Amino acid sequence: MSTVAAISTPLAQGGIAVIRISGENALTVADKIFKSVSGKVATEMKGYTSAYGKIMSDGEEIDDGVLSVFRAPKSYTGEDVAEISCHGGVFVAKKVLSAAVSSGAELAEAGEFTKRAFLNGKLTLTEAESVIDIISASGEQARKAAHSAKEGALYKKISGVTKRLVGILGELAAWVDYPEEDIDALEPQVLSDTLSSIYDELSALSKTYDSGRIIRNGADTAIVGRANVGKSTLMNYLLGYERSIVTDIEGTTRDIVEETALVGDTLLRLSDTAGIRQTDDVVESIGVERSIKKLDEADLILAIFDSSEPLTDEDLSIIEKVSGKRTIAIINKCEKDRKIDIEKVENVLGEPVFISAKTGEGIKDLERRISEVLSLTTLDLSAGLIANERQKRCIDKALLSLNEALPALSIGETLDALTVILDEALSALLELSGEKVTDAVVDEVFSHFCVGK
């Protein structure tokens, strides 16, 4: 592979910037642009050693900094790697990168260093995908899930299933290909039980997708309620700053206001919707229609009611609209005298959470309830989760094949035909782990990475 270089730290002002060079000629390139004060040269330095010196370009000193050398195969990419740390700043970092390119390196593409780590056997594909999740983690749960994947939790689970399928296919092949040998055929019931067990395991794994997606990307959350119950006040409190306009005038929020907030340890993509009510205002009515549509798209609904007022027809209509959805009923303005009929809310939406969006009272209870409703409190993050659509697609392909294999077995389908079906399931799982994957899939995975990683 060619020798590539990129800036591996954020392109902004900071304490240091790191320019990473990886490939067969990485150390030769480093020697051309880095002159250590001790006289050490990169091509003669041992792995995991560093040197201080000057960074040069066309005989001119750009900056001073530190060169770190990592020898193949004991490096992140599995290749020779040189990392030059210089003073942070956009211009200086770009100048050092330009010097590396002028000395024989090529500009790295998005995710190319991690891609090389995968191609050189340093990471499985699922472990490589977790790298971008670690980088983008916005909360403790996201970090733990990504770290678990980086440690190989998902790969180990898929690998275990793959080995069982390979074992079955091996026995089927031996029986089909060598009929003259005295090889016992697989007992149909034993085979059916084994395939059912594999199906159940993959099905359970597939169901972790929603939780994994929510942990990774955040829960699409709609804050709904009739006008002036405190939706915007709650959103502003959760965000920690005033994003939605708050007044005593009904219909202030006329469209959906969207922001992202970390509530407890759960990332929510909040949507403050227009108050759901009958209105003759053309603009506000469009906002109300969008609010109702948002209810069908949301992962979570926070339905807010005013504790200081009796339930209105609009409140009852909202209760009906969100019934059966993943909803938390919130009784707001709990600091005021209670006039609301709690039982009517509770009978349909379950036990409500009492808060004051104005003072923050009850917000901790809301945080806990959100985690419970999204099924995040009992989630074993170390067990391996489906983290993205590519992984989910592979699991579902395998499940589809197994779902075809089990009836085929029960009606006495030939073992040749069964082998073909199980081969498809195996291929899907090998694609997930990266053990049997096309260049197009690999390119797609790493296209989502930032340049420099």
Protein backbone atom coordinates (compact mmCIF):
# COMPACT_ATOMS: atom_id res chain seq x y z
CA MET A 1 0.00 0.00 0.00
CA SER A 2 1.06 3.58 -0.57
CA THR A 3 2.33 5.79 2.23
CA VAL A 4 -0.37 8.19 3.42
CA ALA A 5 -0.48 11.16 5.77
CA ALA A 6 -3.18 13.20 7.50
CA ILE A 7 -3.75 15.52 10.43
CA SER A 8 -5.13 13.26 13.18
CA THR A 9 -6.16 15.95 15.64
CA PRO A 10 -9.05 18.45 15.23
CA LEU A 11 -8.26 21.15 12.70
CA ALA A 12 -8.44 24.05 15.16
CA GLN A 13 -6.32 26.02 17.59
CA GLY A 14 -5.00 23.89 20.43
CA GLY A 15 -2.00 22.82 22.45
CA ILE A 16 -0.68 20.33 19.91
CA ALA A 17 -1.48 18.92 16.48
CA VAL A 18 -0.51 15.42 15.36
CA ILE A 19 0.33 14.55 11.78
CA ARG A 20 0.24 10.78 11.20
CA ILE A 21 2.19 9.10 8.41
CA SER A 22 1.64 5.40 7.70
CA GLY A 23 2.96 2.99 5.10
CA GLU A 24 6.04 1.31 3.72
CA ASN A 25 7.99 4.58 3.38
CA ALA A 26 6.57 6.39 6.42
CA LEU A 27 9.91 6.58 8.24
CA THR A 28 11.76 7.71 5.09
CA VAL A 29 9.24 10.53 4.67
CA ALA A 30 9.66 11.46 8.34
CA ASP A 31 13.45 11.65 7.92
CA LYS A 32 13.05 14.16 5.11
CA ILE A 33 11.05 16.63 7.21
CA PHE A 34 12.20 15.99 10.79
CA LYS A 35 15.70 16.68 12.13
CA SER A 36 16.19 15.58 15.73
CA VAL A 37 18.51 17.55 17.99
CA SER A 38 20.16 14.29 19.08
CA GLY A 39 20.97 13.25 15.52
CA LYS A 40 18.54 10.28 15.58
CA VAL A 41 16.89 9.40 12.30
CA ALA A 42 13.46 7.79 12.04
CA THR A 43 14.61 4.91 9.85
CA GLU A 44 17.01 3.80 12.61
CA MET A 45 14.79 4.43 15.62
CA LYS A 46 13.14 1.54 17.46
CA GLY A 47 9.39 1.25 17.73
CA TYR A 48 7.66 3.10 20.58
CA THR A 49 10.46 5.68 20.86
CA SER A 50 10.39 9.43 20.37
CA ALA A 51 12.76 12.25 19.58
CA TYR A 52 12.62 16.03 19.87
CA GLY A 53 13.70 18.18 16.94
CA LYS A 54 12.86 20.61 14.19
CA ILE A 55 10.26 20.16 11.46
CA MET A 56 11.62 21.29 8.09
CA SER A 57 10.26 22.16 4.64
CA ASP A 58 12.52 23.09 1.71
CA GLY A 59 15.38 23.78 4.12
CA GLU A 60 13.27 26.11 6.25
CA GLU A 61 12.23 25.38 9.83
CA ILE A 62 8.44 25.22 10.16
CA ASP A 63 8.20 24.42 13.86
CA ASP A 64 9.77 22.34 16.60
CA GLY A 65 8.11 19.20 17.85
CA VAL A 66 8.30 15.52 18.71
CA LEU A 67 8.60 12.53 16.37
CA SER A 68 7.17 9.19 17.57
CA VAL A 69 7.98 5.97 15.73
CA PHE A 70 5.87 2.79 15.64
CA ARG A 71 7.26 -0.22 13.80
CA ALA A 72 5.19 -2.74 11.85
CA PRO A 73 3.36 -4.84 12.81
CA LYS A 74 3.08 -3.32 16.31
CA SER A 75 1.31 -0.13 15.30
CA TYR A 76 -2.28 1.01 14.95
CA THR A 77 -2.34 0.31 11.22
CA GLY A 78 0.01 -2.67 11.29
CA GLU A 79 2.43 -0.67 9.12
CA ASP A 80 5.42 1.54 9.92
CA VAL A 81 3.97 4.73 11.41
CA ALA A 82 5.53 8.09 12.17
CA GLU A 83 3.61 10.68 14.17
CA ILE A 84 4.84 14.26 14.33
CA SER A 85 3.48 16.40 17.15
CA CYS A 86 3.78 20.12 16.52
CA HIS A 87 2.20 23.23 18.03
CA GLY A 88 -1.56 23.26 17.57
CA GLY A 89 -3.07 25.54 14.97
CA VAL A 90 -4.62 25.21 11.55
CA PHE A 91 -1.85 26.84 9.52
CA VAL A 92 1.08 25.08 11.20
CA ALA A 93 -0.55 21.63 11.03
CA LYS A 94 -1.38 22.08 7.35
CA LYS A 95 2.17 23.25 6.68
CA VAL A 96 3.64 20.08 8.25
CA LEU A 97 1.17 17.90 6.32
CA SER A 98 2.13 19.67 3.11
CA ALA A 99 5.79 18.98 3.84
CA ALA A 100 5.03 15.27 4.31
CA VAL A 101 3.14 15.14 1.00
CA SER A 102 5.98 16.96 -0.78
CA SER A 103 8.36 14.33 0.61
CA GLY A 104 6.54 11.34 -0.85
CA ALA A 105 3.36 10.73 1.14
CA GLU A 106 -0.16 10.84 -0.27
CA LEU A 107 -3.14 12.46 1.43
CA ALA A 108 -5.08 9.87 3.42
CA GLU A 109 -8.75 9.34 2.67
CA ALA A 110 -11.51 9.33 5.29
CA GLY A 111 -10.92 6.53 7.79
CA GLU A 112 -7.91 5.22 5.91
CA PHE A 113 -5.73 4.52 8.96
CA THR A 114 -8.47 2.40 10.57
CA LYS A 115 -9.22 0.79 7.22
CA ARG A 116 -5.58 -0.28 6.98
CA ALA A 117 -5.77 -1.62 10.52
CA PHE A 118 -8.70 -3.79 9.39
CA LEU A 119 -7.04 -4.91 6.16
CA ASN A 120 -3.85 -5.77 8.07
CA GLY A 121 -5.73 -7.87 10.60
CA LYS A 122 -5.33 -5.48 13.55
CA LEU A 123 -9.10 -5.05 13.95
CA THR A 124 -12.22 -6.95 12.90
CA LEU A 125 -14.77 -4.96 10.90
CA THR A 126 -17.12 -4.61 13.89
CA GLU A 127 -14.21 -3.46 16.06
CA ALA A 128 -13.21 -0.95 13.38
CA GLU A 129 -16.78 0.38 13.23
CA SER A 130 -16.69 0.92 16.99
CA VAL A 131 -13.81 3.38 16.60
CA ILE A 132 -16.07 6.01 15.04
CA ASP A 133 -18.64 5.33 17.77
CA ILE A 134 -16.01 5.97 20.45
CA ILE A 135 -15.05 9.23 18.76
CA SER A 136 -18.67 10.40 18.49
CA ALA A 137 -19.83 9.11 21.90
CA SER A 138 -21.84 11.82 23.65
CA GLY A 139 -22.54 10.04 26.94
CA GLU A 140 -21.33 7.30 29.26
CA GLN A 141 -23.64 4.64 27.85
CA ALA A 142 -22.51 5.39 24.29
CA ARG A 143 -18.88 5.21 25.39
CA LYS A 144 -19.37 1.90 27.19
CA ALA A 145 -21.23 0.33 24.26
CA ALA A 146 -18.59 1.48 21.79
CA HIS A 147 -15.77 0.32 24.07
CA SER A 148 -17.42 -3.08 24.42
CA ALA A 149 -17.58 -3.38 20.62
CA LYS A 150 -13.95 -2.24 20.37
CA GLU A 151 -13.03 -5.04 22.77
CA GLY A 152 -14.74 -7.51 20.43
CA ALA A 153 -18.01 -8.29 22.27
CA LEU A 154 -20.16 -8.34 19.13
CA TYR A 155 -17.51 -10.14 17.08
CA LYS A 156 -17.17 -12.88 19.69
CA LYS A 157 -20.93 -13.40 19.76
CA ILE A 158 -21.17 -13.60 15.97
CA SER A 159 -18.06 -15.77 15.81
CA GLY A 160 -19.65 -18.27 18.20
CA VAL A 161 -22.75 -18.56 16.01
CA THR A 162 -20.63 -18.78 12.87
CA LYS A 163 -18.63 -21.70 14.26
CA ARG A 164 -21.82 -23.61 15.03
CA LEU A 165 -23.09 -23.06 11.48
CA VAL A 166 -19.73 -24.09 10.00
CA GLY A 167 -19.87 -27.27 12.10
CA ILE A 168 -23.34 -28.13 10.78
CA LEU A 169 -22.35 -27.39 7.18
CA GLY A 170 -19.22 -29.52 7.58
CA GLU A 171 -21.25 -32.51 8.73
CA LEU A 172 -23.80 -32.02 5.96
CA ALA A 173 -21.06 -31.76 3.33
CA ALA A 174 -19.34 -34.90 4.59
CA TRP A 175 -22.58 -36.88 4.48
CA VAL A 176 -23.55 -35.59 1.01
CA ASP A 177 -20.12 -35.76 -0.64
CA TYR A 178 -19.01 -39.12 0.70
CA PRO A 179 -22.07 -41.40 0.64
CA GLU A 180 -19.88 -44.47 0.35
CA GLU A 181 -18.31 -43.75 3.71
CA ASP A 182 -20.02 -44.93 6.86
CA ILE A 183 -20.93 -41.42 8.08
CA ASP A 184 -24.00 -41.04 10.25
CA ALA A 185 -26.51 -38.52 8.93
CA LEU A 186 -27.48 -35.69 11.22
CA GLU A 187 -30.59 -36.49 13.22
CA PRO A 188 -33.36 -34.14 11.93
CA GLN A 189 -34.52 -33.29 15.46
CA VAL A 190 -30.99 -32.53 16.65
CA LEU A 191 -30.38 -30.38 13.57
CA SER A 192 -33.71 -28.59 14.03
CA ASP A 193 -32.98 -27.89 17.71
CA THR A 194 -29.54 -26.51 16.88
CA LEU A 195 -30.83 -24.25 14.11
CA SER A 196 -33.69 -23.06 16.35
CA SER A 197 -31.17 -22.20 19.06
CA ILE A 198 -29.04 -20.23 16.56
CA TYR A 199 -32.18 -18.45 15.29
CA ASP A 200 -33.19 -17.44 18.81
CA GLU A 201 -29.71 -16.13 19.58
CA LEU A 202 -29.57 -14.02 16.41
CA SER A 203 -33.15 -12.84 16.91
CA ALA A 204 -32.30 -11.61 20.42
CA LEU A 205 -29.25 -9.84 19.03
CA SER A 206 -31.31 -8.23 16.27
CA LYS A 207 -33.65 -6.79 18.91
CA THR A 208 -30.76 -4.85 20.46
CA TYR A 209 -30.64 -2.64 17.36
CA ASP A 210 -33.14 -0.07 18.62
CA SER A 211 -31.36 0.26 21.96
CA GLY A 212 -27.98 0.42 20.23
CA ARG A 213 -29.24 3.05 17.81
CA ILE A 214 -30.69 5.15 20.64
CA ILE A 215 -27.47 4.93 22.67
CA ARG A 216 -25.40 5.81 19.63
CA ASN A 217 -27.55 8.47 17.93
CA GLY A 218 -29.97 9.54 20.64
CA ALA A 219 -33.71 9.00 21.05
CA ASP A 220 -35.97 11.01 18.78
CA THR A 221 -38.15 12.61 21.47
CA ALA A 222 -41.32 14.63 20.97
CA ILE A 223 -42.46 16.98 23.72
CA VAL A 224 -46.24 17.27 23.24
CA GLY A 225 -49.16 18.82 25.02
CA ARG A 226 -51.81 21.45 24.57
CA ALA A 227 -50.80 25.07 24.42
CA ASN A 228 -49.16 26.69 27.44
CA VAL A 229 -48.60 23.59 29.60
CA GLY A 230 -44.84 24.18 29.81
CA LYS A 231 -43.37 22.30 26.82
CA SER A 232 -40.92 25.04 25.89
CA THR A 233 -40.00 25.65 29.53
CA LEU A 234 -39.13 21.96 29.94
CA MET A 235 -37.09 21.93 26.75
CA ASN A 236 -35.15 25.01 27.82
CA TYR A 237 -34.50 23.46 31.25
CA LEU A 238 -33.20 20.21 29.75
CA LEU A 239 -30.98 22.12 27.31
CA GLY A 240 -29.65 24.43 30.00
CA TYR A 241 -30.35 27.54 27.96
CA GLU A 242 -33.30 29.34 26.37
CA ARG A 243 -33.91 27.80 22.97
CA SER A 244 -37.70 27.89 22.77
CA ILE A 245 -39.62 31.12 23.33
CA VAL A 246 -41.63 31.04 26.57
CA THR A 247 -44.62 33.34 27.13
CA ASP A 248 -48.07 33.13 28.73
CA ILE A 249 -49.62 33.56 25.27
CA GLU A 250 -51.04 30.36 23.82
CA GLY A 251 -49.69 29.37 20.40
CA THR A 252 -46.25 30.97 20.88
CA THR A 253 -44.52 27.87 19.47
CA ARG A 254 -45.83 27.56 15.91
CA ASP A 255 -43.39 25.05 14.47
CA ILE A 256 -41.21 22.22 15.73
CA VAL A 257 -38.05 23.41 17.53
CA GLU A 258 -35.33 20.74 17.55
CA GLU A 259 -32.19 20.43 19.69
CA THR A 260 -30.07 17.68 21.27
CA ALA A 261 -29.66 17.31 25.04
CA LEU A 262 -27.99 14.82 27.37
CA VAL A 263 -30.65 14.04 29.99
CA GLY A 264 -28.99 12.07 32.75
CA ASP A 265 -26.95 9.66 30.67
CA THR A 266 -29.42 9.43 27.78
CA LEU A 267 -29.03 11.48 24.61
CA LEU A 268 -32.35 12.91 23.46
CA ARG A 269 -33.02 14.60 20.13
CA LEU A 270 -35.71 16.87 21.50
CA SER A 271 -38.56 18.34 19.47
CA ASP A 272 -40.61 21.06 21.13
CA THR A 273 -43.85 20.83 19.19
CA ALA A 274 -46.58 23.37 18.67
CA GLY A 275 -49.38 23.14 21.23
CA ILE A 276 -51.96 20.65 19.96
CA ARG A 277 -55.27 22.50 19.82
CA GLN A 278 -57.98 23.70 17.43
CA THR A 279 -56.95 27.02 15.89
CA ASP A 280 -58.05 29.31 13.06
CA ASP A 281 -54.49 30.62 12.65
CA VAL A 282 -53.23 29.17 9.34
CA VAL A 283 -49.55 29.19 10.37
CA GLU A 284 -50.21 27.69 13.81
CA SER A 285 -52.47 24.99 12.33
CA ILE A 286 -49.62 23.83 10.09
CA GLY A 287 -47.42 23.56 13.21
CA VAL A 288 -50.14 21.52 14.96
CA GLU A 289 -50.34 19.13 11.99
CA ARG A 290 -46.56 18.67 12.10
CA SER A 291 -46.74 18.01 15.85
CA ILE A 292 -49.29 15.24 15.33
CA LYS A 293 -47.14 13.70 12.58
CA LYS A 294 -44.11 13.83 14.90
CA LEU A 295 -45.92 11.49 17.32
CA ASP A 296 -45.69 8.65 14.79
CA GLU A 297 -41.98 9.18 14.16
CA ALA A 298 -40.71 9.56 17.73
CA ASP A 299 -38.83 6.93 19.75
CA LEU A 300 -40.16 8.58 22.91
CA ILE A 301 -43.03 10.94 23.69
CA LEU A 302 -43.04 13.28 26.67
CA ALA A 303 -46.72 14.18 27.09
CA ILE A 304 -47.09 17.20 29.36
CA PHE A 305 -50.16 18.20 31.36
CA ASP A 306 -50.78 21.21 33.60
CA SER A 307 -51.22 20.20 37.24
CA SER A 308 -52.91 23.50 38.12
CA GLU A 309 -55.81 23.08 35.67
CA PRO A 310 -58.47 20.41 35.07
CA LEU A 311 -58.00 18.19 32.03
CA THR A 312 -59.43 19.79 28.89
CA ASP A 313 -60.84 18.15 25.77
CA GLU A 314 -57.48 18.88 24.12
CA ASP A 315 -55.66 17.05 26.95
CA LEU A 316 -57.96 14.05 26.55
CA SER A 317 -57.40 14.08 22.79
CA ILE A 318 -53.64 14.03 23.33
CA ILE A 319 -53.95 11.12 25.79
CA GLU A 320 -55.87 9.21 23.13
CA LYS A 321 -53.31 10.05 20.41
CA VAL A 322 -50.29 8.87 22.42
CA SER A 323 -51.96 5.82 23.95
CA GLY A 324 -50.07 2.64 23.07
CA LYS A 325 -46.92 4.55 22.14
CA ARG A 326 -43.71 4.76 24.16
CA THR A 327 -44.91 7.65 26.30
CA ILE A 328 -44.07 9.25 29.65
CA ALA A 329 -46.88 11.31 31.17
CA ILE A 330 -45.49 14.43 32.83
CA ILE A 331 -47.54 16.48 35.27
CA ASN A 332 -45.97 19.94 35.16
CA LYS A 333 -46.34 22.96 37.47
CA CYS A 334 -46.41 20.71 40.53
CA GLU A 335 -45.47 23.73 42.65
CA LYS A 336 -49.03 25.03 42.18
CA ASP A 337 -52.28 23.78 43.71
CA ARG A 338 -53.32 20.55 42.02
CA LYS A 339 -56.58 20.57 40.03
CA ILE A 340 -55.83 17.91 37.42
CA ASP A 341 -57.54 14.49 37.48
CA ILE A 342 -54.42 12.31 37.84
CA GLU A 343 -56.40 9.06 37.65
CA LYS A 344 -57.57 9.76 34.08
CA VAL A 345 -53.97 10.24 32.95
CA GLU A 346 -52.67 7.26 34.91
CA ASN A 347 -55.33 4.85 33.67
CA VAL A 348 -54.16 5.25 30.06
CA LEU A 349 -50.51 6.31 30.21
CA GLY A 350 -49.33 4.73 33.45
CA GLU A 351 -47.82 6.38 36.49
CA PRO A 352 -46.93 10.00 35.68
CA VAL A 353 -43.83 11.94 36.66
CA PHE A 354 -44.43 15.13 38.65
CA ILE A 355 -42.13 18.02 37.83
CA SER A 356 -41.74 21.73 37.83
CA ALA A 357 -40.08 22.68 34.56
CA LYS A 358 -39.65 26.16 36.04
CA THR A 359 -37.65 25.14 39.14
CA GLY A 360 -36.28 21.75 38.09
CA GLU A 361 -38.14 19.82 40.76
CA GLY A 362 -38.68 16.19 39.73
CA ILE A 363 -36.24 16.28 36.81
CA LYS A 364 -34.13 13.50 38.37
CA ASP A 365 -37.25 11.32 38.50
CA LEU A 366 -37.84 12.12 34.83
CA GLU A 367 -34.27 11.13 33.96
CA ARG A 368 -34.73 7.73 35.62
CA ARG A 369 -38.09 7.15 33.93
CA ILE A 370 -36.66 7.99 30.50
CA SER A 371 -33.94 5.39 30.96
CA GLU A 372 -36.49 2.81 32.12
CA VAL A 373 -38.96 3.42 29.29
CA LEU A 374 -36.20 3.20 26.67
CA SER A 375 -35.11 -0.11 28.30
CA LEU A 376 -31.61 1.19 28.94
CA THR A 377 -31.41 0.42 32.67
CA THR A 378 -31.36 -3.36 32.18
CA LEU A 379 -29.26 -3.34 29.02
CA ASP A 380 -26.00 -5.28 29.28
CA LEU A 381 -23.63 -3.03 27.34
CA SER A 382 -20.80 -5.55 27.65
CA ALA A 383 -22.76 -8.31 25.90
CA GLY A 384 -22.57 -6.82 22.41
CA LEU A 385 -25.16 -4.67 20.64
CA ILE A 386 -26.09 -4.12 17.01
CA ALA A 387 -24.78 -0.60 16.47
CA ASN A 388 -25.69 0.29 12.88
CA GLU A 389 -27.87 -0.53 9.91
CA ARG A 390 -25.17 -2.55 8.12
CA GLN A 391 -24.88 -4.94 11.05
CA LYS A 392 -28.67 -5.16 11.40
CA ARG A 393 -29.03 -5.91 7.70
CA CYS A 394 -26.55 -8.80 7.94
CA ILE A 395 -28.30 -10.27 10.99
CA ASP A 396 -31.69 -10.03 9.29
CA LYS A 397 -30.33 -11.76 6.17
CA ALA A 398 -29.10 -14.65 8.31
CA LEU A 399 -32.45 -14.82 10.13
CA LEU A 400 -34.31 -14.88 6.82
CA SER A 401 -32.24 -17.85 5.64
CA LEU A 402 -32.70 -19.71 8.93
CA ASN A 403 -36.41 -19.00 8.79
CA GLU A 404 -36.40 -20.72 5.40
CA ALA A 405 -34.22 -23.61 6.55
CA LEU A 406 -36.36 -24.72 9.51
CA PRO A 407 -39.57 -25.39 7.53
CA ALA A 408 -37.51 -26.97 4.75
CA LEU A 409 -36.07 -29.39 7.28
CA SER A 410 -39.47 -30.21 8.74
CA ILE A 411 -40.94 -31.17 5.32
CA GLY A 412 -37.96 -33.37 4.48
CA GLU A 413 -36.19 -31.11 1.98
CA THR A 414 -32.99 -32.62 0.58
CA LEU A 415 -29.79 -31.95 2.50
CA ASP A 416 -28.28 -30.39 -0.64
CA ALA A 417 -31.01 -27.74 -0.66
CA LEU A 418 -30.64 -27.21 3.09
CA THR A 419 -26.89 -26.70 2.65
CA VAL A 420 -27.47 -23.94 0.10
CA ILE A 421 -29.84 -22.11 2.47
CA LEU A 422 -27.46 -22.38 5.43
CA ASP A 423 -24.57 -21.20 3.24
CA GLU A 424 -26.52 -17.97 2.69
CA ALA A 425 -26.93 -17.50 6.45
CA LEU A 426 -23.23 -18.11 6.98
CA SER A 427 -22.26 -15.62 4.25
CA ALA A 428 -24.37 -12.93 5.89
CA LEU A 429 -22.64 -13.46 9.25
CA LEU A 430 -19.18 -13.50 7.67
CA GLU A 431 -20.05 -10.21 5.95
CA LEU A 432 -21.01 -8.75 9.32
CA SER A 433 -17.69 -9.70 10.92
CA GLY A 434 -15.72 -8.68 7.84
CA GLU A 435 -14.32 -12.17 7.21
CA LYS A 436 -16.10 -12.31 3.86
CA VAL A 437 -16.86 -8.83 2.67
CA THR A 438 -16.69 -6.94 -0.62
CA ASP A 439 -14.48 -3.92 -1.25
CA ALA A 440 -17.64 -1.84 -1.76
CA VAL A 441 -18.87 -2.66 1.76
CA VAL A 442 -15.46 -1.89 3.28
CA ASP A 443 -15.31 1.44 1.43
CA GLU A 444 -18.82 2.31 2.63
CA VAL A 445 -17.97 1.54 6.28
CA PHE A 446 -14.89 3.74 6.34
CA SER A 447 -16.40 6.57 4.31
CA HIS A 448 -18.20 7.65 7.51
CA PHE A 449 -14.91 8.18 9.35
CA CYS A 450 -13.12 11.48 9.66
CA VAL A 451 -9.86 12.04 7.79
CA GLY A 452 -6.96 11.28 10.14
CA LYS A 453 -8.60 8.25 11.77
